[in-house]
Amino acid sequence: MTPTGRLIATAIGTDLEMTREFKAPIEDVWASITEPERTARWFAHWSGDGRPGATVRLTLVHEEGSPESDLTILACEPPHRLEVETVDEYGRWHLEARLAEAGGVTALTFLHHLDPETEVASTGPGWEYYLDRLAASIGGTPVPDFDDYYPAQRAYYEGLTAG
């Protein structure tokens, strides 16, 4: 698997950015990142009141032990933008998804607004894996194996610098 992430310097820190394109309508991709039954196919199931300002309960269904955490919905602008935040034993996860459709192709730009202590060398391969799981769930293709991402992509992410 070829890593796609890049670091972007922002006014308040650094973002890890990845993009995926889907031959699917924007509404389908939006449903895949917002509906609990669909998010469970590739990342996590969630329960609660999914509206801006609300906190939902997130269960990582593809991780050992199915860890849970609270996830706050910071912004939800269907079908173009979702911004969320959670805190767990690994740190603060401030995430954003931006969607745009053109010519029957939906582009998803994924942003992890990094905290200074976030270890990109392990976080980057993890998001690559999950975004490829998303692609597999939308496209009906085989689910990737995490061993193809980590530690294989670690060196790539260790070498990134914000531009």
Protein backbone atom coordinates (compact mmCIF):
# COMPACT_ATOMS: atom_id res chain seq x y z
CA MET A 1 0.00 0.00 0.00
CA THR A 2 1.34 3.40 -0.97
CA PRO A 3 0.98 6.07 1.72
CA THR A 4 -0.89 9.22 0.68
CA GLY A 5 -0.77 11.45 3.75
CA ARG A 6 0.87 14.82 3.90
CA LEU A 7 1.44 17.32 6.66
CA ILE A 8 0.11 20.84 6.27
CA ALA A 9 1.18 23.77 8.43
CA THR A 10 -1.81 25.81 9.62
CA ALA A 11 -2.16 29.03 11.60
CA ILE A 12 -2.69 26.99 14.79
CA GLY A 13 -0.57 23.87 14.23
CA THR A 14 -0.25 20.98 11.81
CA ASP A 15 -2.81 18.87 9.97
CA LEU A 16 -2.40 15.38 8.59
CA GLU A 17 -4.33 15.31 5.29
CA MET A 18 -5.38 12.34 3.16
CA THR A 19 -7.69 12.22 0.16
CA ARG A 20 -9.72 9.38 -1.29
CA GLU A 21 -11.96 9.39 -4.38
CA PHE A 22 -15.06 7.25 -4.78
CA LYS A 23 -17.14 6.48 -7.86
CA ALA A 24 -20.24 7.10 -5.79
CA PRO A 25 -22.70 9.93 -5.19
CA ILE A 26 -21.81 12.33 -2.39
CA GLU A 27 -24.91 11.22 -0.43
CA ASP A 28 -23.64 7.62 -0.38
CA VAL A 29 -20.20 8.61 0.87
CA TRP A 30 -21.81 10.94 3.43
CA ALA A 31 -23.97 8.08 4.70
CA SER A 32 -20.85 5.91 5.00
CA ILE A 33 -19.21 8.41 7.35
CA THR A 34 -22.30 9.42 9.36
CA GLU A 35 -24.80 6.53 9.68
CA PRO A 36 -23.91 4.16 12.55
CA GLU A 37 -24.64 0.98 10.59
CA ARG A 38 -22.43 2.19 7.75
CA THR A 39 -19.59 3.54 9.92
CA ALA A 40 -19.47 0.17 11.70
CA ARG A 41 -18.51 -1.49 8.39
CA TRP A 42 -15.18 0.28 8.26
CA PHE A 43 -14.41 2.06 11.53
CA ALA A 44 -16.77 2.23 14.50
CA HIS A 45 -20.38 2.05 15.56
CA TRP A 46 -21.84 5.01 17.38
CA SER A 47 -25.00 5.62 19.37
CA GLY A 48 -26.67 8.77 20.60
CA ASP A 49 -28.07 11.98 19.21
CA GLY A 50 -25.97 12.71 16.10
CA ARG A 51 -26.27 16.48 15.89
CA PRO A 52 -23.81 19.38 16.22
CA GLY A 53 -22.89 19.98 19.84
CA ALA A 54 -23.98 16.51 20.94
CA THR A 55 -21.76 13.78 22.32
CA VAL A 56 -22.24 10.24 21.03
CA ARG A 57 -20.77 6.95 22.25
CA LEU A 58 -18.21 5.49 19.84
CA THR A 59 -17.27 1.79 19.80
CA LEU A 60 -14.27 0.78 17.68
CA VAL A 61 -15.56 -2.52 16.29
CA HIS A 62 -12.39 -3.47 14.40
CA GLU A 63 -9.97 -3.00 17.29
CA GLU A 64 -9.08 -5.60 19.90
CA GLY A 65 -11.41 -5.27 22.87
CA SER A 66 -13.79 -2.90 21.02
CA PRO A 67 -12.65 0.21 22.95
CA GLU A 68 -15.24 2.90 23.59
CA SER A 69 -15.05 6.67 23.97
CA ASP A 70 -17.24 9.73 23.80
CA LEU A 71 -17.18 11.63 20.51
CA THR A 72 -18.33 15.25 20.29
CA ILE A 73 -19.80 16.46 17.02
CA LEU A 74 -18.33 19.91 16.45
CA ALA A 75 -19.87 20.53 13.00
CA CYS A 76 -22.21 18.61 10.72
CA GLU A 77 -23.02 20.17 7.35
CA PRO A 78 -24.63 17.44 5.19
CA PRO A 79 -23.35 16.24 2.82
CA HIS A 80 -20.17 18.31 2.76
CA ARG A 81 -18.46 18.56 6.15
CA LEU A 82 -18.23 16.65 9.41
CA GLU A 83 -15.95 17.68 12.26
CA VAL A 84 -15.62 15.65 15.47
CA GLU A 85 -13.40 15.31 18.52
CA THR A 86 -12.70 12.56 21.02
CA VAL A 87 -10.18 11.94 23.76
CA ASP A 88 -8.90 8.51 24.73
CA GLU A 89 -5.80 6.98 26.32
CA TYR A 90 -3.84 7.81 23.14
CA GLY A 91 -4.66 11.51 23.19
CA ARG A 92 -7.01 14.00 21.59
CA TRP A 93 -8.39 13.20 18.14
CA HIS A 94 -9.72 16.27 16.31
CA LEU A 95 -10.93 15.01 12.93
CA GLU A 96 -12.61 16.55 9.91
CA ALA A 97 -14.04 15.14 6.69
CA ARG A 98 -14.80 17.35 3.68
CA LEU A 99 -16.71 15.98 0.70
CA ALA A 100 -17.10 17.34 -2.84
CA GLU A 101 -18.67 15.69 -5.89
CA ALA A 102 -17.84 16.29 -9.54
CA GLY A 103 -18.63 14.14 -12.57
CA GLY A 104 -19.97 11.21 -10.55
CA VAL A 105 -16.86 11.07 -8.35
CA THR A 106 -16.89 12.09 -4.70
CA ALA A 107 -13.63 13.29 -3.17
CA LEU A 108 -13.18 12.93 0.56
CA THR A 109 -10.51 15.06 2.19
CA PHE A 110 -9.74 13.72 5.64
CA LEU A 111 -7.96 15.96 8.15
CA HIS A 112 -6.52 15.02 11.51
CA HIS A 113 -5.83 18.32 13.29
CA LEU A 114 -2.76 17.13 15.18
CA ASP A 115 -1.83 17.85 18.75
CA PRO A 116 1.92 18.50 19.16
CA GLU A 117 2.45 15.17 20.92
CA THR A 118 0.66 13.06 18.27
CA GLU A 119 2.99 10.43 16.84
CA VAL A 120 2.42 10.71 13.08
CA ALA A 121 4.55 7.62 12.35
CA SER A 122 1.86 5.36 13.85
CA THR A 123 -1.21 7.56 13.36
CA GLY A 124 -0.70 8.02 9.61
CA PRO A 125 -0.67 4.31 8.73
CA GLY A 126 -3.74 3.79 10.91
CA TRP A 127 -5.77 6.40 9.04
CA GLU A 128 -4.54 5.05 5.69
CA TYR A 129 -5.88 1.64 6.77
CA TYR A 130 -9.23 2.97 7.93
CA LEU A 131 -9.75 5.10 4.82
CA ASP A 132 -9.00 2.09 2.64
CA ARG A 133 -11.52 0.11 4.73
CA LEU A 134 -14.01 2.90 3.94
CA ALA A 135 -13.20 2.54 0.23
CA ALA A 136 -13.71 -1.23 0.45
CA SER A 137 -17.07 -0.78 2.19
CA ILE A 138 -18.30 1.65 -0.46
CA GLY A 139 -16.84 -0.24 -3.43
CA GLY A 140 -17.64 -3.76 -2.24
CA THR A 141 -13.99 -4.79 -2.52
CA PRO A 142 -11.93 -6.94 -0.13
CA VAL A 143 -11.03 -5.41 3.22
CA PRO A 144 -7.32 -4.55 3.55
CA ASP A 145 -5.02 -6.14 6.11
CA PHE A 146 -3.55 -3.79 8.74
CA ASP A 147 -0.18 -5.56 8.43
CA ASP A 148 0.14 -4.00 4.96
CA TYR A 149 0.11 -0.53 6.59
CA TYR A 150 2.01 -0.80 9.84
CA PRO A 151 4.94 -0.95 10.26
CA ALA A 152 5.40 -0.81 6.45
CA GLN A 153 4.44 2.89 6.21
CA ARG A 154 6.16 4.02 9.40
CA ALA A 155 9.32 5.28 7.66
CA TYR A 156 7.28 7.35 5.18
CA TYR A 157 5.45 9.11 8.00
CA GLU A 158 8.60 9.59 10.08
CA GLY A 159 10.06 11.50 7.12
CA LEU A 160 7.17 13.90 6.61
CA THR A 161 7.55 17.58 7.37
CA ALA A 162 4.82 20.21 7.31
CA GLY A 163 4.72 22.32 4.20
